[in-house]
Amino acid sequence: MLLLGQRPLTASAADQQLFSGRSPELRRVRRALDLGLNAYVHGPRGSGRTSFLRQVERGRPEARYVRLHGFETLRDRLDEIERAVRGSNALERYRPDPFSQAFKAFSTTEVKVSVDPLRYLRKATRLGDGDPRPVVLVDDLDQEECHELFGRLRDDLWELPIQWVVAGSVSSLDPPADAFFDAVVELPLLDDESLRELVRRRAASGTRGEEKLLLSVVDSAIESVAPCTPRRALSVLRDLYLSDDLAEATSQLARLQSARATLRPTANKLLDALIHHGPTHAGDAELLSEVGVTRSRVVQLLTELEAGGFVVAQREGRRKLFAVPSRRIAPADVVTEGHGETDEP
């Protein structure tokens, strides 16, 4: 079966055959771990951070993958890391001391006690005494969460017998979190050669006919999208492969890329973010963070992109959702250079 889906790859042997384009970065992280160092991996949305962590996990029995998206508090995130270190869904907790509970009930004076947030994680690491140090692979941490965990608790985490590989979207961390990581590895956009490797590996997953058809569009697809993220490349390949008229779809892709060459950098960045996010609204916090401009600026750009046919919009309640149309057309030349406007920093 031809595998062109956008799901992250796992550490399985089958998925290893699909993983491509990140060999230098993978070697750098593995060398860092062999030296006992912590690593921070960053790249834009769609760059394959999850698949990368899973490949780091492969061949390391001491590796523990943990995804922290959706955990709202530091306590919840630490609990999830503890589960990973224990290798169990159950969390061992101390029972309340009856005497202290009784004292609290009858006491008229409020006493604040400083509680160690890492107390349970410390206990979990002691359970594996004599085993190799666990390598915790942390996925989906934003800058604020990373600062809270590896900045605020930096010195205490350093004392734990754990190595860390953390994946995030920001290229640099604020002090003191930045000092926690000895190696910083970027997952750049894939160039022509890496994209061709990606297509070859994906094509090999299908039948001979599917492989032949997919390889027939390699050159035109890569010429139109390189450099780009793996997710963007797979999205383009799906569009071409599912098209009723492959020649026309390839021509449309080339016209779209030609039209995008007239866009200002921020408009192109917004368009790429929409491709990666799927339908979303102008106030989406992740979208604003990724593009790096204000909401009002995004509203202005979306209006212009919609007028040019780059995006389509529909109402969902009081909100207007924007998306890149699945069937590409050749947009008008809008949002071009030389309009006398400058992008916000």
Protein backbone atom coordinates (compact mmCIF):
# COMPACT_ATOMS: atom_id res chain seq x y z
CA MET A 1 0.00 0.00 0.00
CA LEU A 2 1.35 3.42 -0.98
CA LEU A 3 2.04 5.39 2.20
CA LEU A 4 1.53 9.11 1.64
CA GLY A 5 -0.24 9.96 4.91
CA GLN A 6 1.02 12.67 7.25
CA ARG A 7 1.04 10.61 10.45
CA PRO A 8 4.33 10.79 12.38
CA LEU A 9 6.57 7.78 11.93
CA THR A 10 7.15 5.40 14.81
CA ALA A 11 10.26 3.53 15.94
CA SER A 12 9.15 0.37 14.09
CA ALA A 13 11.33 -1.34 11.49
CA ALA A 14 8.67 -0.68 8.81
CA ASP A 15 8.58 3.05 9.54
CA GLN A 16 12.36 3.23 9.60
CA GLN A 17 12.26 2.42 5.88
CA LEU A 18 10.20 5.60 5.33
CA PHE A 19 12.40 7.91 7.39
CA SER A 20 14.68 10.10 5.28
CA GLY A 21 16.58 13.35 5.04
CA ARG A 22 17.77 13.66 8.64
CA SER A 23 20.88 11.49 8.85
CA PRO A 24 23.38 14.24 9.89
CA GLU A 25 21.02 15.56 12.58
CA LEU A 26 20.32 12.05 13.86
CA ARG A 27 24.04 11.29 14.13
CA ARG A 28 24.62 14.52 16.07
CA VAL A 29 21.93 13.73 18.65
CA ARG A 30 23.12 10.15 19.06
CA ARG A 31 26.70 11.32 19.60
CA ALA A 32 25.48 13.82 22.20
CA LEU A 33 23.65 11.06 24.08
CA ASP A 34 26.72 8.82 23.96
CA LEU A 35 28.61 11.65 25.68
CA GLY A 36 25.93 12.02 28.36
CA LEU A 37 24.70 15.37 26.98
CA ASN A 38 21.19 16.81 26.73
CA ALA A 39 19.93 17.91 23.30
CA TYR A 40 17.34 20.38 22.08
CA VAL A 41 15.88 19.75 18.60
CA HIS A 42 13.95 22.47 16.79
CA GLY A 43 12.27 22.97 13.44
CA PRO A 44 9.15 24.53 11.93
CA ARG A 45 5.76 22.86 12.11
CA GLY A 46 5.73 19.93 9.72
CA SER A 47 9.50 19.41 9.87
CA GLY A 48 9.09 15.93 11.37
CA ARG A 49 10.09 16.52 14.98
CA THR A 50 8.00 13.60 16.28
CA SER A 51 9.30 11.19 13.63
CA PHE A 52 12.84 12.34 14.45
CA LEU A 53 12.43 11.65 18.17
CA ARG A 54 11.06 8.21 17.36
CA GLN A 55 14.18 7.44 15.34
CA VAL A 56 16.33 8.58 18.27
CA GLU A 57 14.30 6.14 20.37
CA ARG A 58 14.98 3.26 18.00
CA GLY A 59 17.73 0.95 19.27
CA ARG A 60 17.78 2.53 22.73
CA PRO A 61 15.91 0.37 25.27
CA GLU A 62 16.46 3.09 27.89
CA ALA A 63 14.62 5.70 25.77
CA ARG A 64 11.20 6.89 26.93
CA TYR A 65 9.06 8.95 24.56
CA VAL A 66 6.56 11.38 26.08
CA ARG A 67 4.26 13.82 24.28
CA LEU A 68 3.19 16.76 26.44
CA HIS A 69 0.71 18.49 24.13
CA GLY A 70 -2.53 19.28 25.97
CA PHE A 71 -1.12 19.10 29.52
CA GLU A 72 -1.96 22.47 31.00
CA THR A 73 0.02 22.56 34.25
CA LEU A 74 3.59 21.84 35.27
CA ARG A 75 2.32 19.17 37.66
CA ASP A 76 0.50 17.38 34.83
CA ARG A 77 3.59 17.49 32.64
CA LEU A 78 5.81 16.14 35.41
CA ASP A 79 3.29 13.37 36.09
CA GLU A 80 3.37 12.33 32.44
CA ILE A 81 7.18 12.30 32.44
CA GLU A 82 7.08 10.16 35.59
CA ARG A 83 4.77 7.68 33.85
CA ALA A 84 7.25 7.44 31.00
CA VAL A 85 10.22 6.89 33.32
CA ARG A 86 8.34 4.22 35.27
CA GLY A 87 7.18 2.58 32.04
CA SER A 88 3.70 2.32 33.49
CA ASN A 89 0.37 4.09 33.30
CA ALA A 90 0.06 3.88 37.09
CA LEU A 91 1.45 6.59 39.31
CA GLU A 92 2.65 5.57 42.73
CA ARG A 93 1.70 8.13 45.35
CA TYR A 94 2.20 8.42 49.07
CA ARG A 95 -0.87 8.13 51.25
CA PRO A 96 -1.64 11.18 53.42
CA ASP A 97 -0.33 10.99 56.97
CA PRO A 98 -3.41 10.75 59.28
CA PHE A 99 -1.67 12.76 62.02
CA SER A 100 -0.77 15.62 59.70
CA GLN A 101 -4.33 15.63 58.30
CA ALA A 102 -5.77 15.85 61.79
CA PHE A 103 -3.36 18.62 62.72
CA LYS A 104 -4.35 20.55 59.61
CA ALA A 105 -8.04 20.18 60.44
CA PHE A 106 -7.71 21.60 63.97
CA SER A 107 -5.02 24.16 63.36
CA THR A 108 -6.10 27.79 63.31
CA THR A 109 -2.84 29.01 61.80
CA GLU A 110 -2.19 28.56 58.09
CA VAL A 111 1.28 27.18 57.48
CA LYS A 112 2.71 27.16 53.97
CA VAL A 113 5.03 24.24 53.24
CA SER A 114 7.40 24.26 50.29
CA VAL A 115 6.81 21.08 48.30
CA ASP A 116 9.43 19.65 45.95
CA PRO A 117 7.73 19.38 42.51
CA LEU A 118 10.20 16.67 41.48
CA ARG A 119 9.72 14.43 44.51
CA TYR A 120 7.85 11.69 42.61
CA LEU A 121 10.14 11.86 39.60
CA ARG A 122 13.13 11.51 41.92
CA LYS A 123 11.59 8.37 43.38
CA ALA A 124 10.85 6.97 39.89
CA THR A 125 14.50 7.34 38.85
CA ARG A 126 15.67 5.46 41.96
CA LEU A 127 13.63 2.42 40.91
CA GLY A 128 16.07 1.78 38.07
CA ASP A 129 19.29 1.90 40.08
CA GLY A 130 21.95 -0.07 38.24
CA ASP A 131 20.19 0.24 34.86
CA PRO A 132 21.32 2.62 32.10
CA ARG A 133 20.15 6.17 32.68
CA PRO A 134 16.75 6.73 31.07
CA VAL A 135 16.71 8.97 28.02
CA VAL A 136 13.49 10.99 28.08
CA LEU A 137 12.36 12.21 24.65
CA VAL A 138 10.02 15.15 25.22
CA ASP A 139 7.76 16.14 22.33
CA ASP A 140 5.51 19.17 21.83
CA LEU A 141 6.83 21.74 24.31
CA ASP A 142 6.31 25.41 23.48
CA GLN A 143 8.76 28.09 24.58
CA GLU A 144 6.89 29.01 27.77
CA GLU A 145 6.50 25.39 28.87
CA CYS A 146 10.15 24.68 28.11
CA HIS A 147 11.22 27.68 30.17
CA GLU A 148 9.03 26.60 33.09
CA LEU A 149 10.37 23.05 33.09
CA PHE A 150 14.03 23.41 32.11
CA GLY A 151 14.53 26.98 33.28
CA ARG A 152 12.76 27.17 36.60
CA LEU A 153 13.68 23.59 37.56
CA ARG A 154 16.99 23.50 35.68
CA ASP A 155 19.37 22.88 38.57
CA ASP A 156 17.13 20.22 40.15
CA LEU A 157 16.67 18.40 36.83
CA TRP A 158 20.43 18.41 36.30
CA GLU A 159 20.78 16.34 39.48
CA LEU A 160 18.45 13.59 38.24
CA PRO A 161 20.02 10.55 36.52
CA ILE A 162 18.15 11.34 33.27
CA GLN A 163 19.28 12.43 29.83
CA TRP A 164 16.92 14.64 27.85
CA VAL A 165 16.14 15.20 24.19
CA VAL A 166 13.49 17.91 23.81
CA ALA A 167 11.75 18.95 20.59
CA GLY A 168 10.30 22.42 20.10
CA SER A 169 9.46 24.95 17.40
CA VAL A 170 11.51 27.94 18.60
CA SER A 171 15.11 28.17 17.47
CA SER A 172 16.49 29.57 20.73
CA LEU A 173 15.46 29.29 24.37
CA ASP A 174 15.55 32.03 26.96
CA PRO A 175 17.98 31.84 29.90
CA PRO A 176 18.29 29.89 32.10
CA ALA A 177 16.62 27.10 30.05
CA ASP A 178 19.11 27.52 27.22
CA ALA A 179 22.01 26.40 29.43
CA PHE A 180 20.31 23.06 30.18
CA PHE A 181 21.02 21.78 26.67
CA ASP A 182 24.57 21.02 25.55
CA ALA A 183 23.65 20.32 21.91
CA VAL A 184 21.16 22.24 19.77
CA VAL A 185 20.11 20.56 16.52
CA GLU A 186 18.04 22.20 13.79
CA LEU A 187 15.76 20.26 11.43
CA PRO A 188 16.03 22.43 8.30
CA LEU A 189 13.78 22.43 5.26
CA LEU A 190 14.51 19.52 2.93
CA ASP A 191 16.54 20.31 -0.19
CA ASP A 192 16.16 18.68 -3.62
CA GLU A 193 18.27 15.64 -2.80
CA SER A 194 16.53 14.96 0.50
CA LEU A 195 13.10 15.35 -1.12
CA ARG A 196 14.01 12.86 -3.85
CA GLU A 197 15.04 10.38 -1.16
CA LEU A 198 11.73 10.94 0.62
CA VAL A 199 9.77 10.29 -2.59
CA ARG A 200 11.79 7.17 -3.43
CA ARG A 201 11.17 5.70 0.01
CA ARG A 202 7.45 6.46 -0.09
CA ALA A 203 7.11 5.16 -3.64
CA ALA A 204 8.74 1.86 -2.63
CA SER A 205 5.90 1.27 -0.16
CA GLY A 206 3.36 0.87 -2.98
CA THR A 207 2.79 -1.53 -5.85
CA ARG A 208 4.95 -1.40 -8.97
CA GLY A 209 2.27 0.66 -10.73
CA GLU A 210 1.90 3.08 -7.82
CA GLU A 211 5.66 3.44 -7.56
CA LYS A 212 5.99 4.17 -11.27
CA LEU A 213 3.24 6.80 -11.19
CA LEU A 214 4.63 8.57 -8.13
CA LEU A 215 8.18 8.64 -9.49
CA SER A 216 6.88 10.15 -12.71
CA VAL A 217 5.99 13.38 -10.89
CA VAL A 218 9.16 13.64 -8.79
CA ASP A 219 11.00 16.23 -10.83
CA SER A 220 8.05 18.58 -11.39
CA ALA A 221 6.91 18.34 -7.75
CA ILE A 222 10.35 18.95 -6.26
CA GLU A 223 11.06 21.83 -8.61
CA SER A 224 7.84 23.49 -7.48
CA VAL A 225 8.14 23.08 -3.70
CA ALA A 226 11.82 22.70 -2.71
CA PRO A 227 13.00 23.54 -0.15
CA CYS A 228 10.11 22.57 2.13
CA THR A 229 9.12 20.49 5.13
CA PRO A 230 8.35 16.75 4.82
CA ARG A 231 4.70 17.48 5.58
CA ARG A 232 4.46 20.01 2.76
CA ALA A 233 6.14 17.59 0.34
CA LEU A 234 3.74 14.78 1.23
CA SER A 235 0.77 17.14 0.89
CA VAL A 236 1.83 18.06 -2.65
CA LEU A 237 2.44 14.41 -3.58
CA ARG A 238 -1.04 13.46 -2.35
CA ASP A 239 -2.64 16.26 -4.33
CA LEU A 240 -0.84 15.18 -7.50
CA TYR A 241 -1.46 11.48 -7.02
CA LEU A 242 -5.18 11.93 -6.30
CA SER A 243 -5.74 14.24 -9.24
CA ASP A 244 -7.88 13.06 -12.16
CA ASP A 245 -5.55 14.83 -14.59
CA LEU A 246 -1.94 14.48 -13.48
CA ALA A 247 -0.57 16.71 -16.22
CA GLU A 248 -2.99 19.53 -15.41
CA ALA A 249 -2.39 19.17 -11.66
CA THR A 250 1.36 19.41 -12.22
CA SER A 251 0.86 22.50 -14.37
CA GLN A 252 -1.34 24.09 -11.68
CA LEU A 253 1.33 23.41 -9.08
CA ALA A 254 3.93 25.17 -11.22
CA ARG A 255 1.62 28.17 -11.74
CA LEU A 256 0.93 28.37 -8.03
CA GLN A 257 4.63 28.37 -7.22
CA SER A 258 5.22 31.07 -9.82
CA ALA A 259 2.47 33.19 -8.27
CA ARG A 260 3.86 32.64 -4.77
CA ALA A 261 7.16 34.07 -5.92
CA THR A 262 5.43 37.46 -6.05
CA LEU A 263 4.30 37.31 -2.42
CA ARG A 264 6.01 39.16 0.38
CA PRO A 265 7.90 36.91 2.83
CA THR A 266 5.30 37.22 5.60
CA ALA A 267 2.46 36.34 3.22
CA ASN A 268 4.34 33.21 2.12
CA LYS A 269 5.04 32.35 5.75
CA LEU A 270 1.34 32.70 6.57
CA LEU A 271 0.40 30.54 3.59
CA ASP A 272 2.82 27.81 4.69
CA ALA A 273 1.43 27.98 8.24
CA LEU A 274 -2.11 27.48 6.91
CA ILE A 275 -0.96 24.49 4.85
CA HIS A 276 0.52 22.95 7.99
CA HIS A 277 -2.29 23.87 10.40
CA GLY A 278 -5.31 23.15 8.23
CA PRO A 279 -8.41 25.36 8.54
CA THR A 280 -8.04 27.95 11.29
CA HIS A 281 -9.01 31.51 12.22
CA ALA A 282 -6.98 34.70 12.32
CA GLY A 283 -6.73 34.70 16.12
CA ASP A 284 -5.27 31.20 16.45
CA ALA A 285 -2.45 31.59 19.01
CA GLU A 286 -0.22 28.96 17.37
CA LEU A 287 -0.70 30.56 13.96
CA LEU A 288 0.22 34.02 15.29
CA SER A 289 3.26 32.61 17.08
CA GLU A 290 4.48 30.78 14.00
CA VAL A 291 4.04 33.72 11.63
CA GLY A 292 5.38 36.22 14.19
CA VAL A 293 3.05 39.17 13.49
CA THR A 294 -0.01 40.70 15.13
CA ARG A 295 -3.57 39.50 14.67
CA SER A 296 -4.52 42.64 12.75
CA ARG A 297 -1.66 42.02 10.31
CA VAL A 298 -2.76 38.40 9.82
CA VAL A 299 -6.33 39.58 9.15
CA GLN A 300 -5.03 41.98 6.50
CA LEU A 301 -2.89 39.31 4.82
CA LEU A 302 -5.67 36.72 4.87
CA THR A 303 -8.03 39.17 3.17
CA GLU A 304 -5.49 39.76 0.42
CA LEU A 305 -4.69 36.06 0.05
CA GLU A 306 -8.39 35.25 -0.21
CA ALA A 307 -8.87 37.90 -2.90
CA GLY A 308 -5.99 36.36 -4.85
CA GLY A 309 -7.35 32.82 -4.64
CA PHE A 310 -4.56 31.51 -2.42
CA VAL A 311 -6.98 30.70 0.42
CA VAL A 312 -10.70 30.09 0.82
CA ALA A 313 -12.86 31.05 3.79
CA GLN A 314 -16.06 29.85 5.38
CA ARG A 315 -18.08 30.87 8.41
CA GLU A 316 -18.17 28.72 11.52
CA GLY A 317 -20.39 30.51 14.00
CA ARG A 318 -18.97 33.98 14.55
CA ARG A 319 -15.54 33.00 13.27
CA LYS A 320 -14.21 32.92 9.75
CA LEU A 321 -12.04 29.89 9.02
CA PHE A 322 -9.35 30.07 6.35
CA ALA A 323 -7.76 27.17 4.48
CA VAL A 324 -5.67 26.47 1.41
CA PRO A 325 -7.99 24.94 -1.23
CA SER A 326 -7.33 21.28 -1.92
CA ARG A 327 -7.71 21.80 -5.66
CA ARG A 328 -5.11 24.43 -6.50
CA ILE A 329 -5.79 27.17 -9.03
CA ALA A 330 -3.47 29.78 -10.45
CA PRO A 331 -4.04 32.80 -8.18
CA ALA A 332 -3.92 36.39 -9.27
CA ASP A 333 -0.75 38.34 -8.52
CA VAL A 334 -1.64 40.00 -5.22
CA VAL A 335 0.22 40.96 -2.05
CA THR A 336 3.23 41.67 -4.25
CA GLU A 337 6.46 43.42 -3.54
CA GLY A 338 6.50 47.17 -4.15
CA HIS A 339 3.11 48.05 -2.67
CA GLY A 340 4.78 50.50 -0.33
CA GLU A 341 4.09 48.39 2.75
CA THR A 342 6.57 46.74 5.02
CA ASP A 343 6.06 43.60 7.06
CA GLU A 344 5.95 43.88 10.83
CA PRO A 345 8.98 42.43 12.61
